[in-house]
Protein backbone atom coordinates (compact mmCIF):
# COMPACT_ATOMS: atom_id res chain seq x y z
CA UNK A 1 -1.89 4.54 71.07
CA UNK A 2 -3.24 1.13 72.00
CA UNK A 3 -1.30 -2.08 71.48
CA UNK A 4 -3.64 -3.02 68.76
CA UNK A 5 -2.58 0.29 66.93
CA UNK A 6 1.23 -0.16 67.26
CA UNK A 7 2.75 -2.86 65.39
CA UNK A 8 5.78 -3.45 67.71
CA UNK A 9 3.64 -3.78 70.80
CA UNK A 10 1.72 -6.34 68.93
CA UNK A 11 4.80 -8.03 67.97
CA UNK A 12 6.14 -8.33 71.77
CA UNK A 13 2.48 -9.61 72.57
CA UNK A 14 2.70 -12.32 70.04
CA UNK A 15 6.23 -13.47 71.66
CA UNK A 16 4.90 -13.30 75.11
CA UNK A 17 2.11 -15.78 74.16
CA UNK A 18 4.67 -17.95 72.24
CA UNK A 19 7.12 -18.19 74.90
CA UNK A 20 5.04 -20.20 77.26
CA UNK A 21 4.55 -22.83 74.53
CA UNK A 22 8.02 -22.53 73.51
CA UNK A 23 9.10 -23.23 77.17
CA UNK A 24 6.91 -25.93 77.50
CA UNK A 25 8.33 -27.80 74.14
CA UNK A 26 11.83 -27.43 75.65
CA UNK A 27 11.12 -28.68 79.05
CA UNK A 28 10.65 -32.17 77.67
CA UNK A 29 13.81 -32.10 75.72
CA UNK A 30 15.98 -30.56 78.68
CA UNK A 31 19.04 -32.91 79.16
CA UNK A 32 18.06 -35.32 82.00
CA UNK A 33 14.37 -35.35 81.13
CA UNK A 34 12.65 -38.45 79.98
CA UNK A 35 12.13 -36.83 76.42
CA UNK A 36 15.80 -35.88 76.42
CA UNK A 37 16.99 -39.49 77.13
CA UNK A 38 14.65 -40.93 74.18
CA UNK A 39 15.76 -38.15 71.76
CA UNK A 40 19.19 -38.60 72.97
CA UNK A 41 19.22 -42.26 72.30
CA UNK A 42 17.72 -41.51 68.97
CA UNK A 43 20.45 -38.90 68.22
CA UNK A 44 23.25 -41.56 69.35
CA UNK A 45 21.83 -44.01 66.92
CA UNK A 46 21.76 -41.77 63.91
CA UNK A 47 25.15 -40.32 64.65
CA UNK A 48 26.79 -43.62 63.92
CA UNK A 49 26.07 -43.02 60.28
CA UNK A 50 28.75 -43.03 57.97
CA UNK A 51 32.51 -42.64 58.74
CA UNK A 52 33.73 -38.89 58.47
CA UNK A 53 36.70 -39.40 55.94
CA UNK A 54 35.96 -39.49 52.48
CA UNK A 55 37.16 -42.68 50.19
CA UNK A 56 38.13 -40.33 47.48
CA UNK A 57 39.50 -37.17 48.77
CA UNK A 58 42.11 -36.31 51.44
CA UNK A 59 42.75 -33.76 54.18
CA UNK A 60 38.99 -32.80 55.08
CA UNK A 61 36.59 -34.20 57.39
CA UNK A 62 32.81 -34.29 57.07
CA UNK A 63 30.77 -32.43 59.52
CA UNK A 64 26.91 -32.35 59.64
CA UNK A 65 25.32 -29.00 59.54
CA UNK A 66 21.99 -27.03 59.97
CA UNK A 67 22.35 -23.61 58.71
CA UNK A 68 18.74 -22.03 59.03
CA UNK A 69 16.86 -22.16 62.14
CA UNK A 70 14.30 -19.93 64.06
CA UNK A 71 13.25 -19.03 67.45
CA UNK A 72 10.81 -16.86 69.63
CA UNK A 73 13.22 -13.83 68.33
CA UNK A 74 10.97 -14.02 65.00
CA UNK A 75 8.39 -16.56 64.13
CA UNK A 76 9.62 -19.75 65.81
CA UNK A 77 8.13 -21.26 68.86
CA UNK A 78 11.24 -22.31 70.83
CA UNK A 79 13.24 -20.59 73.56
CA UNK A 80 16.47 -19.69 71.94
CA UNK A 81 18.37 -20.23 75.13
CA UNK A 82 17.79 -24.08 74.35
CA UNK A 83 18.54 -24.11 70.49
CA UNK A 84 22.17 -24.64 70.26
CA UNK A 85 22.04 -27.37 72.90
CA UNK A 86 19.18 -29.10 71.05
CA UNK A 87 21.19 -29.30 67.82
CA UNK A 88 24.28 -30.43 69.42
CA UNK A 89 22.24 -32.99 71.40
CA UNK A 90 20.80 -34.15 68.17
CA UNK A 91 24.36 -35.05 66.82
CA UNK A 92 24.94 -31.89 64.52
CA UNK A 93 28.31 -30.58 64.30
CA UNK A 94 27.61 -27.09 63.05
CA UNK A 95 24.56 -25.21 63.66
CA UNK A 96 23.16 -21.52 63.07
CA UNK A 97 20.26 -19.49 64.38
CA UNK A 98 19.00 -17.17 61.41
CA UNK A 99 15.95 -15.31 62.66
CA UNK A 100 14.09 -13.24 60.38
CA UNK A 101 14.92 -9.78 59.42
CA UNK A 102 11.60 -8.31 58.24
CA UNK A 103 9.94 -5.22 56.96
CA UNK A 104 10.03 -2.58 59.76
CA UNK A 105 11.14 -5.29 62.25
CA UNK A 106 7.52 -6.51 62.70
CA UNK A 107 7.90 -10.24 63.36
CA UNK A 108 11.62 -9.97 63.14
CA UNK A 109 14.99 -9.43 65.07
CA UNK A 110 15.70 -6.06 66.70
CA UNK A 111 19.18 -4.81 67.80
CA UNK A 112 18.90 -6.18 71.29
CA UNK A 113 18.00 -9.94 69.84
CA UNK A 114 20.70 -9.65 67.40
CA UNK A 115 23.10 -9.23 70.05
CA UNK A 116 21.49 -12.04 72.28
CA UNK A 117 21.86 -14.28 69.06
CA UNK A 118 25.53 -13.50 69.01
CA UNK A 119 26.12 -14.25 72.72
CA UNK A 120 24.26 -17.45 72.48
CA UNK A 121 26.46 -18.42 69.48
CA UNK A 122 29.54 -17.61 71.43
CA UNK A 123 28.69 -19.39 74.54
CA UNK A 124 27.75 -22.66 72.56
CA UNK A 125 30.72 -22.63 70.20
CA UNK A 126 33.52 -25.04 70.90
CA UNK A 127 36.43 -24.90 68.36
CA UNK A 128 37.15 -28.17 67.00
CA UNK A 129 34.08 -30.00 68.30
CA UNK A 130 31.00 -27.84 67.61
CA UNK A 131 30.70 -24.70 65.69
CA UNK A 132 27.60 -22.37 66.52
CA UNK A 133 27.00 -19.45 64.16
CA UNK A 134 24.93 -16.38 64.16
CA UNK A 135 23.15 -15.19 61.20
CA UNK A 136 19.74 -13.93 59.82
CA UNK A 137 17.20 -14.39 57.10
CA UNK A 138 16.54 -11.30 55.22
CA UNK A 139 12.80 -11.64 54.30
CA UNK A 140 10.75 -10.12 51.69
CA UNK A 141 7.20 -11.67 51.15
CA UNK A 142 7.49 -11.26 47.44
CA UNK A 143 10.92 -11.03 46.50
CA UNK A 144 12.33 -14.04 48.60
CA UNK A 145 14.42 -14.77 51.63
CA UNK A 146 18.18 -14.81 51.87
CA UNK A 147 20.34 -16.27 54.66
CA UNK A 148 23.26 -14.26 55.66
CA UNK A 149 26.08 -15.60 58.00
CA UNK A 150 29.41 -14.30 59.16
CA UNK A 151 28.45 -10.49 59.48
CA UNK A 152 28.70 -8.27 62.53
CA UNK A 153 25.52 -6.58 61.53
CA UNK A 154 22.09 -7.37 60.25
CA UNK A 155 19.81 -5.17 58.00
CA UNK A 156 16.04 -5.21 57.22
CA UNK A 157 14.39 -4.95 53.77
CA UNK A 158 12.79 -1.58 54.83
CA UNK A 159 16.51 -0.26 54.74
CA UNK A 160 17.55 -2.01 51.76
CA UNK A 161 14.59 -1.46 49.48
CA UNK A 162 15.34 -3.98 46.92
CA UNK A 163 17.27 -7.37 46.65
CA UNK A 164 20.11 -5.58 44.65
CA UNK A 165 20.87 -3.09 47.49
CA UNK A 166 20.97 -6.00 49.74
CA UNK A 167 23.63 -7.64 47.60
CA UNK A 168 25.62 -4.40 47.67
CA UNK A 169 25.24 -4.38 51.52
CA UNK A 170 26.57 -7.98 51.93
CA UNK A 171 29.32 -7.44 49.23
CA UNK A 172 30.75 -4.79 51.39
CA UNK A 173 31.30 -7.26 54.21
CA UNK A 174 33.13 -10.45 54.74
CA UNK A 175 29.81 -12.59 54.91
CA UNK A 176 28.53 -15.10 52.84
CA UNK A 177 24.86 -16.03 51.95
CA UNK A 178 22.47 -18.25 50.39
CA UNK A 179 19.04 -18.31 48.42
CA UNK A 180 16.31 -19.93 50.90
CA UNK A 181 13.31 -22.20 49.77
CA UNK A 182 13.69 -20.86 46.01
CA UNK A 183 10.46 -20.51 44.45
CA UNK A 184 8.13 -20.15 47.54
CA UNK A 185 8.03 -16.23 46.87
CA UNK A 186 6.57 -15.20 43.78
CA UNK A 187 9.32 -12.72 42.44
CA UNK A 188 12.35 -15.28 43.00
CA UNK A 189 14.87 -12.72 43.65
CA UNK A 190 14.12 -10.75 40.53
CA UNK A 191 14.14 -14.06 38.68
CA UNK A 192 17.64 -14.82 40.07
CA UNK A 193 19.17 -11.58 38.13
CA UNK A 194 22.86 -12.09 38.54
CA UNK A 195 24.86 -9.55 40.70
CA UNK A 196 28.68 -9.72 40.04
CA UNK A 197 29.65 -8.31 43.29
CA UNK A 198 28.16 -11.25 44.88
CA UNK A 199 30.22 -13.68 43.03
CA UNK A 200 32.15 -14.76 46.27
CA UNK A 201 29.51 -14.24 48.79
CA UNK A 202 26.40 -15.98 47.28
CA UNK A 203 27.36 -19.67 48.12
CA UNK A 204 24.26 -21.41 48.65
CA UNK A 205 21.01 -22.65 47.07
CA UNK A 206 18.55 -24.70 49.26
CA UNK A 207 17.19 -27.63 47.64
CA UNK A 208 15.95 -29.21 50.77
CA UNK A 209 14.15 -27.18 53.10
CA UNK A 210 12.43 -29.01 56.03
CA UNK A 211 10.75 -32.17 54.23
CA UNK A 212 10.61 -30.39 50.81
CA UNK A 213 12.75 -30.76 47.69
CA UNK A 214 12.51 -27.45 45.85
CA UNK A 215 13.83 -28.87 42.48
CA UNK A 216 10.61 -28.28 40.83
CA UNK A 217 9.17 -25.73 43.28
CA UNK A 218 6.26 -23.78 41.47
CA UNK A 219 6.07 -26.14 38.42
CA UNK A 220 4.56 -25.72 35.89
CA UNK A 221 3.75 -22.15 36.54
CA UNK A 222 7.59 -21.51 37.08
CA UNK A 223 10.97 -22.87 35.99
CA UNK A 224 13.03 -25.22 38.06
CA UNK A 225 14.45 -22.78 40.73
CA UNK A 226 17.81 -25.04 40.18
CA UNK A 227 17.78 -24.56 36.56
CA UNK A 228 16.87 -20.76 36.93
CA UNK A 229 19.70 -19.87 39.39
CA UNK A 230 22.52 -21.68 37.67
CA UNK A 231 21.42 -20.64 34.27
CA UNK A 232 21.48 -17.04 35.56
CA UNK A 233 25.28 -17.30 36.19
CA UNK A 234 25.08 -17.84 39.97
CA UNK A 235 27.65 -20.24 41.22
CA UNK A 236 26.10 -21.59 44.51
CA UNK A 237 26.60 -24.81 46.17
CA UNK A 238 23.69 -26.78 47.11
CA UNK A 239 22.26 -27.07 50.78
CA UNK A 240 19.57 -28.76 52.71
CA UNK A 241 18.22 -27.11 55.97
CA UNK A 242 15.77 -27.85 58.73
CA UNK A 243 14.36 -24.13 58.57
CA UNK A 244 12.93 -25.22 62.21
CA UNK A 245 10.18 -23.24 63.86
CA UNK A 246 9.51 -25.44 66.64
CA UNK A 247 11.21 -26.21 69.77
CA UNK A 248 13.02 -29.57 69.07
CA UNK A 249 15.92 -28.26 66.71
CA UNK A 250 17.77 -31.06 64.88
CA UNK A 251 15.67 -33.83 66.42
CA UNK A 252 13.54 -34.95 63.52
CA UNK A 253 14.36 -37.43 60.84
CA UNK A 254 13.76 -36.58 57.24
CA UNK A 255 14.51 -32.83 57.29
CA UNK A 256 17.08 -31.11 55.05
CA UNK A 257 20.61 -30.78 56.30
CA UNK A 258 24.15 -29.95 54.88
CA UNK A 259 27.15 -31.92 54.81
CA UNK A 260 30.27 -29.81 54.89
CA UNK A 261 33.82 -30.95 54.16
CA UNK A 262 36.16 -29.05 56.50
CA UNK A 263 39.83 -28.80 57.28
CA UNK A 264 38.68 -27.95 60.71
CA UNK A 265 35.50 -27.74 62.44
CA UNK A 266 35.82 -24.08 63.51
CA UNK A 267 34.00 -20.86 62.40
CA UNK A 268 36.99 -20.22 60.11
CA UNK A 269 37.05 -23.69 58.78
CA UNK A 270 33.28 -23.84 58.05
CA UNK A 271 33.54 -20.47 56.38
CA UNK A 272 36.53 -21.54 54.14
CA UNK A 273 34.70 -24.79 53.07
CA UNK A 274 31.40 -22.64 52.54
CA UNK A 275 33.35 -20.30 50.01
CA UNK A 276 34.66 -23.32 48.13
CA UNK A 277 31.23 -24.87 47.89
CA UNK A 278 32.64 -27.91 49.33
CA UNK A 279 29.34 -29.13 50.64
CA UNK A 280 26.27 -31.21 49.68
CA UNK A 281 22.37 -31.31 50.36
CA UNK A 282 20.76 -34.27 51.97
CA UNK A 283 17.53 -34.89 54.00
CA UNK A 284 18.97 -38.26 55.52
CA UNK A 285 20.84 -38.01 58.79
CA UNK A 286 24.44 -39.89 59.08
CA UNK A 287 24.95 -39.57 55.05
CA UNK A 288 28.28 -39.08 53.68
CA UNK A 289 28.64 -37.77 49.91
CA UNK A 290 31.71 -36.97 48.17
CA UNK A 291 32.15 -36.49 44.36
CA UNK A 292 35.01 -35.71 41.87
CA UNK A 293 34.96 -35.18 38.32
CA UNK A 294 38.11 -35.79 36.48
CA UNK A 295 39.85 -35.43 39.94
CA UNK A 296 38.13 -32.26 40.70
CA UNK A 297 36.04 -32.13 43.80
CA UNK A 298 32.45 -30.83 43.72
CA UNK A 299 31.93 -26.95 43.98
CA UNK A 300 34.89 -26.10 41.61
CA UNK A 301 35.55 -25.27 37.94
CA UNK A 302 36.25 -28.27 35.83
CA UNK A 303 38.93 -27.21 33.23
CA UNK A 304 37.37 -28.79 30.23
CA UNK A 305 35.36 -27.40 27.35
CA UNK A 306 34.29 -30.91 25.74
CA UNK A 307 35.05 -34.47 26.28
CA UNK A 308 34.42 -37.43 28.40
CA UNK A 309 34.49 -36.72 32.27
CA UNK A 310 35.01 -39.51 34.76
CA UNK A 311 33.05 -39.08 37.98
CA UNK A 312 33.60 -40.70 41.34
CA UNK A 313 30.85 -40.79 43.90
CA UNK A 314 31.45 -41.83 47.47
CA UNK A 315 28.17 -42.79 49.07
CA UNK A 316 27.80 -43.98 52.52
CA UNK A 317 25.57 -44.21 55.67
CA UNK A 318 26.86 -46.75 57.80
CA UNK A 319 25.99 -50.34 58.31
CA UNK A 320 22.26 -50.00 58.16
CA UNK A 321 22.21 -48.67 54.62
CA UNK A 322 25.17 -50.75 53.28
CA UNK A 323 24.48 -52.23 49.87
CA UNK A 324 20.99 -50.24 49.35
CA UNK A 325 20.26 -49.45 45.60
CA UNK A 326 19.93 -45.87 44.71
CA UNK A 327 20.05 -43.82 41.41
CA UNK A 328 22.57 -41.14 40.46
CA UNK A 329 21.16 -38.51 37.99
CA UNK A 330 23.53 -36.20 36.07
CA UNK A 331 21.84 -32.94 35.87
CA UNK A 332 22.68 -30.34 33.17
CA UNK A 333 21.15 -27.15 32.16
CA UNK A 334 17.74 -27.13 30.19
CA UNK A 335 15.52 -24.49 29.11
CA UNK A 336 12.93 -24.76 32.14
CA UNK A 337 13.89 -27.92 33.81
CA UNK A 338 17.32 -29.56 34.21
CA UNK A 339 18.21 -31.96 31.81
CA UNK A 340 19.19 -35.62 32.96
CA UNK A 341 22.11 -36.59 30.45
CA UNK A 342 22.64 -40.06 32.45
CA UNK A 343 21.33 -42.20 35.14
CA UNK A 344 23.49 -44.67 36.99
CA UNK A 345 22.81 -47.38 39.51
CA UNK A 346 24.69 -46.85 42.70
CA UNK A 347 25.17 -49.09 45.80
CA UNK A 348 25.30 -47.33 49.32
CA UNK A 349 28.85 -48.26 50.76
CA UNK A 350 30.70 -48.38 47.50
CA UNK A 351 32.46 -45.86 45.49
CA UNK A 352 30.50 -45.66 42.30
CA UNK A 353 32.67 -44.76 39.03
CA UNK A 354 31.06 -43.58 35.70
CA UNK A 355 31.97 -41.58 32.66
CA UNK A 356 29.80 -38.87 31.01
CA UNK A 357 30.41 -36.83 27.80
CA UNK A 358 30.08 -33.24 28.52
CA UNK A 359 30.08 -30.09 26.32
CA UNK A 360 30.27 -26.58 27.64
CA UNK A 361 28.05 -25.25 24.70
CA UNK A 362 25.13 -27.21 26.20
CA UNK A 363 25.77 -25.12 29.44
CA UNK A 364 28.64 -24.54 32.03
CA UNK A 365 27.38 -26.57 34.86
CA UNK A 366 26.92 -30.17 35.93
CA UNK A 367 25.87 -31.71 39.35
CA UNK A 368 24.45 -35.05 40.63
CA UNK A 369 21.29 -35.94 42.34
CA UNK A 370 20.92 -38.94 44.39
CA UNK A 371 17.56 -40.59 44.48
CA UNK A 372 15.36 -43.33 45.84
CA UNK A 373 13.39 -44.87 42.61
CA UNK A 374 10.99 -46.55 45.08
CA UNK A 375 9.54 -43.41 46.37
CA UNK A 376 7.98 -40.45 44.51
CA UNK A 377 8.81 -36.88 44.49
CA UNK A 378 6.25 -34.90 46.56
CA UNK A 379 6.67 -31.97 44.19
CA UNK A 380 7.12 -33.39 40.67
CA UNK A 381 8.18 -31.64 37.52
CA UNK A 382 7.51 -32.54 33.73
CA UNK A 383 5.64 -35.72 33.23
CA UNK A 384 8.24 -38.44 32.68
CA UNK A 385 11.13 -36.59 34.38
CA UNK A 386 13.75 -38.77 35.80
CA UNK A 387 13.96 -36.56 38.95
CA UNK A 388 10.13 -37.15 39.72
CA UNK A 389 11.20 -39.87 42.22
CA UNK A 390 12.45 -39.10 45.93
CA UNK A 391 15.56 -37.17 46.31
CA UNK A 392 18.21 -38.36 48.76
CA UNK A 393 21.01 -35.92 48.03
CA UNK A 394 22.49 -33.29 45.50
CA UNK A 395 26.17 -32.81 45.18
CA UNK A 396 27.25 -29.00 44.57
CA UNK A 397 27.99 -28.16 41.04
CA UNK A 398 30.90 -28.19 38.87
CA UNK A 399 31.48 -25.33 36.24
CA UNK A 400 32.99 -26.25 32.96
CA UNK A 401 35.60 -23.85 31.94
CA UNK A 402 38.37 -23.48 29.43
CA UNK A 403 40.43 -21.01 31.54
């Protein structure tokens, strides 16, 4: 059989061609090179950002994370040997490699590469300082893509056969997962059909992926992925990721990232925070966002059925954003797009406090979107919707409950 007739041979031929390009990309970013010096200075400037302690919560510290990245081991261009160093050099505190697990292994991980990813993560991991994670992206071209972290093995769509069997597989392990670039694939995870066994395992929903805001992805043919996911019963936090396919992981400003509030910057500490949905999405480096509703931190249940709820928002990015005026939009369930029940002026560098009446009969979730009214959303929703401006950050939701 010729290489053209064998998909795996074609797969490795593609990698061989890309390896040279990836090596050239990373040569310029190797520590000690002119490129590394320039990007290192840029990273140092960005890393100043906001202080890592919240003004409204205690006992946790903010870490900046990128939980979704690719290498030559699937469809990326960069050498995996350089990925974790690149993300640490760029000022990230938590980083993951999540190469594709694809149908029949074409263009995706194999067992050797899965083991190699683990070895690279273990080598880069420095408890208390830098957390390096291994994961994989379950990738079905029609159903959707799902990231999985903290499992000892990986699985392909050809083995699971359906997204629901993938849920069964994840639920039988200690790992956690997240919906990726929701809406990009037409079936949208069987329209976000809820799976009870995943209640404690499905922790994330990407709102920022690379430079895109996915709040209205697919509009008007499809409803808001955020609205569809949370209305279906999923209790996901909100993440931002780079989804990097190049060779300069973490270096580019304006791509998604996640801020995680950890008790300790270790694998166990990051996992605990992810399970508690104690994180936010942004595409601005160095941003700090923490939020409480009636004293309850984002990502948790809010024990109220109806009444006025006091919100506190700690928003900061250091001296170069101090005093910058942004908007805070309070998002609630809608039929096809989230309802915005209030819009509040916020000043970066200060705690913003406001009160909003909420009623569980209108839906059980609420979250905050921070935006810049001076820029437009590249993927707008309904005409005149308040979220048609440029998204800066999303809090994770709260869930209203009487229990």
